[in-house]
Amino acid sequence: MTARSPQAVLVLGLETSSPACRVAVLSISGRPGSAFDAIGRGAVVERSGTSEFARHSDIVYGLLDAVLRAARLGVRDLDGIAVSIGPGSFTGLRVGVAVAKVLAKFGRIPLAGVPTLEAMAAQAAVASAGGSAAGDFVPTLDARRGEVYAAVYRRGPRGVRKARGPWVLEPGRLPAIVPAGALPVTDPPRAAVVAALGLLRLAAGRRDDPDRLVPLYLRRPEAVEKRLAAGARGSAPSRNLRFRARA
């Protein structure tokens, strides 16, 4: 992909929920008919780098610069920005969402948050039978403390949709609550898949406000829980904590 085609739609994808920080630009001509179409047909420039989560902030801008240079684009050439919002690494998610919000707000670019588990399921659905067969997918991510983040997604003609979850639970509990024959998914999503799902959200008018978008943590960070436990016992959690369980 080089420079901008007059008919192309360009979406930046950011994925920082895992140790591999990923940045991509997806270019596609015409409105995609489905998530599978967007993922399979779009031209992609993608770069990745692996680091400790705390150092995602050190490498994400370098990856962003490399991707835009390779695509011969500037930030203001972008039609949209999509970011993986979690669940996943608390630090990694904060970095990715913060970068996406800054670019969207100051570049006046539409923004879409994409659940990480949904992107994992969509990526697996495309890899298996090109997205043409029905089936259930169970993406899981390490949540530490002997638990995983998990959900059930079902493949349909236009993409995957959430059937159950998301949960934070011990892995041994999954067989009792997921459909028989569901395909387990553990590979983190590519940034291009995040961009493709973000494109569909933006095309449907589902854009996020940069001032309101927050990571999908599913639970409080361990450090916050320790502070609360060390404080006044029996007191209610602070209403200022901004955690949500978003679809």
Foldseek 3Di string as FASTA:
>chain_A
DAEDDPQWAWEWFWEQQDQKTKIKIWIDGDDAPALLRSLPPTDMDMDIDGDPLQCCLVCVVVRVVVRCVVRVHDLLVHQEYEYAQDDHDPSRNVNGLVVRLVSCPVSVHFYYYDHFQQLQQQVVCCVPPNLPDWAKEWEWDDPPPQWIFIFIWIRDPRTIDTDGDGDIGHPVCVVVPDDPPHHYTYDGHHRSSRRSVGSVCVVVVNTDNSVPDHGAHVDDPPVLVVVVVPPDPPDDPDPPDDHDHDD
